[in-house]
Protein backbone atom coordinates (compact mmCIF):
# COMPACT_ATOMS: atom_id res chain seq x y z
CA MET A 1 -27.76 64.02 -75.08
CA THR A 2 -25.13 65.14 -72.57
CA MET A 3 -25.10 68.23 -70.42
CA GLN A 4 -22.14 70.60 -70.66
CA ASP A 5 -20.39 71.57 -67.43
CA TYR A 6 -19.24 75.19 -67.54
CA HIS A 7 -16.70 74.69 -64.73
CA SER A 8 -18.06 77.59 -62.72
CA ARG A 9 -16.73 77.41 -59.16
CA LEU A 10 -17.20 79.76 -56.22
CA SER A 11 -13.61 79.05 -55.21
CA ASP A 12 -12.34 80.39 -58.56
CA PRO A 13 -13.57 83.98 -59.14
CA ALA A 14 -12.37 83.97 -62.77
CA SER A 15 -14.69 81.04 -63.59
CA ARG A 16 -17.84 82.30 -61.89
CA LYS A 17 -21.01 82.31 -63.93
CA PHE A 18 -24.22 83.63 -62.42
CA GLU A 19 -27.67 83.88 -63.93
CA THR A 20 -28.65 82.88 -67.44
CA PHE A 21 -27.13 85.76 -69.37
CA SER A 22 -23.67 85.48 -67.81
CA TYR A 23 -23.04 82.49 -70.09
CA LEU A 24 -23.50 84.59 -73.20
CA PRO A 25 -20.57 86.37 -74.83
CA ALA A 26 -20.20 90.11 -74.22
CA MET A 27 -22.37 92.25 -76.50
CA SER A 28 -20.76 94.19 -79.33
CA ALA A 29 -21.03 97.98 -79.48
CA GLY A 30 -23.75 97.64 -82.14
CA GLU A 31 -25.75 95.20 -80.01
CA ILE A 32 -25.50 97.50 -76.99
CA ARG A 33 -26.69 100.42 -79.15
CA LYS A 34 -29.72 98.37 -80.25
CA GLN A 35 -30.57 97.58 -76.63
CA VAL A 36 -30.36 101.28 -75.69
CA ALA A 37 -32.58 102.13 -78.67
CA TYR A 38 -35.06 99.49 -77.47
CA ILE A 39 -35.17 101.05 -73.98
CA VAL A 40 -35.68 104.53 -75.44
CA GLY A 41 -38.25 103.25 -77.94
CA ARG A 42 -40.33 101.76 -75.13
CA GLY A 43 -40.36 105.12 -73.34
CA TRP A 44 -38.39 103.75 -70.39
CA ASN A 45 -36.05 105.95 -68.35
CA PRO A 46 -32.41 104.84 -68.58
CA ALA A 47 -30.24 104.67 -65.48
CA ILE A 48 -26.61 103.61 -65.07
CA GLU A 49 -25.25 101.69 -62.09
CA HIS A 50 -21.90 100.12 -61.20
CA THR A 51 -20.41 97.76 -58.62
CA GLU A 52 -17.22 95.88 -57.83
CA PRO A 53 -17.04 92.40 -59.42
CA GLN A 54 -16.95 90.66 -56.04
CA TYR A 55 -20.33 92.25 -55.18
CA LEU A 56 -21.96 91.46 -58.53
CA MET A 57 -24.68 89.31 -56.96
CA ASP A 58 -25.57 91.77 -54.20
CA SER A 59 -28.85 93.59 -54.63
CA TYR A 60 -27.29 97.03 -54.16
CA TRP A 61 -25.34 98.66 -56.99
CA TYR A 62 -24.05 102.25 -56.89
CA MET A 63 -26.12 104.66 -58.96
CA TRP A 64 -24.17 106.78 -61.45
CA LYS A 65 -25.78 110.20 -61.16
CA LEU A 66 -29.58 110.31 -61.30
CA PRO A 67 -31.69 108.30 -63.77
CA MET A 68 -31.82 110.02 -67.14
CA PHE A 69 -35.53 110.87 -67.01
CA GLY A 70 -36.95 111.45 -70.48
CA GLU A 71 -33.61 111.05 -72.26
CA THR A 72 -34.07 109.80 -75.83
CA ASP A 73 -30.58 110.41 -77.28
CA THR A 74 -28.84 107.03 -77.56
CA ASP A 75 -25.42 108.67 -77.96
CA ARG A 76 -25.85 110.67 -74.76
CA ILE A 77 -26.87 107.55 -72.81
CA LEU A 78 -23.89 105.60 -74.15
CA ALA A 79 -21.57 108.54 -73.35
CA GLU A 80 -22.76 108.50 -69.71
CA ALA A 81 -22.19 104.74 -69.51
CA GLU A 82 -18.68 105.20 -70.89
CA ALA A 83 -18.00 108.04 -68.42
CA CYS A 84 -19.07 105.76 -65.58
CA HIS A 85 -16.77 103.02 -66.88
CA LYS A 86 -13.82 105.44 -67.17
CA ALA A 87 -14.40 106.69 -63.61
CA ASN A 88 -14.73 103.11 -62.29
CA PRO A 89 -12.61 100.97 -64.66
CA ASP A 90 -12.52 97.89 -62.41
CA ASN A 91 -16.29 97.81 -61.85
CA HIS A 92 -19.15 96.20 -63.74
CA VAL A 93 -21.40 98.85 -65.31
CA ARG A 94 -25.01 98.13 -66.16
CA LEU A 95 -27.78 100.00 -67.92
CA ILE A 96 -31.32 99.76 -66.60
CA GLY A 97 -34.54 100.82 -68.28
CA TYR A 98 -37.22 101.84 -65.77
CA ASP A 99 -40.83 101.42 -66.88
CA ASN A 100 -42.96 104.26 -65.44
CA PHE A 101 -46.24 102.42 -65.88
CA SER A 102 -45.40 99.13 -64.19
CA GLN A 103 -43.02 100.96 -61.82
CA SER A 104 -40.33 98.33 -62.28
CA GLN A 105 -37.23 97.56 -64.29
CA GLY A 106 -38.13 96.82 -67.87
CA ALA A 107 -34.58 95.88 -68.83
CA SER A 108 -31.19 95.47 -67.21
CA MET A 109 -27.89 94.57 -68.86
CA VAL A 110 -24.20 94.68 -67.96
CA ILE A 111 -22.48 96.66 -70.69
CA TYR A 112 -18.96 96.85 -69.22
CA ARG A 113 -17.38 94.06 -67.21
CA GLY A 114 -14.87 94.84 -64.50
CA LYS A 115 -11.68 92.97 -63.77
CA THR A 116 -12.12 89.74 -61.86
CA VAL A 117 -10.11 89.50 -58.69
């Protein structure tokens, strides 16, 4: 069995792959909707963040408005994510589900990818 090299190089920003999920293809609109429904179904509070592609691996992302405490409408959450993407078209946009009980992130996913420099 041979290992596949994904040709990810720090010197080539277009080839960069970080973390396990960056190797997966982008989610479809239906898959994103299912993930939002999962977050809402677990009772987690959705929040939307964004950052420039070159700062993707930094621990600080910009928060888009306040977390959507108690929001259960999937369409409203997706509309806010799209509004964030339209306001910051070159940035990565991610959706986070905050778990009140464990006081941590229950889920985090990039739903819009910015342009690579």
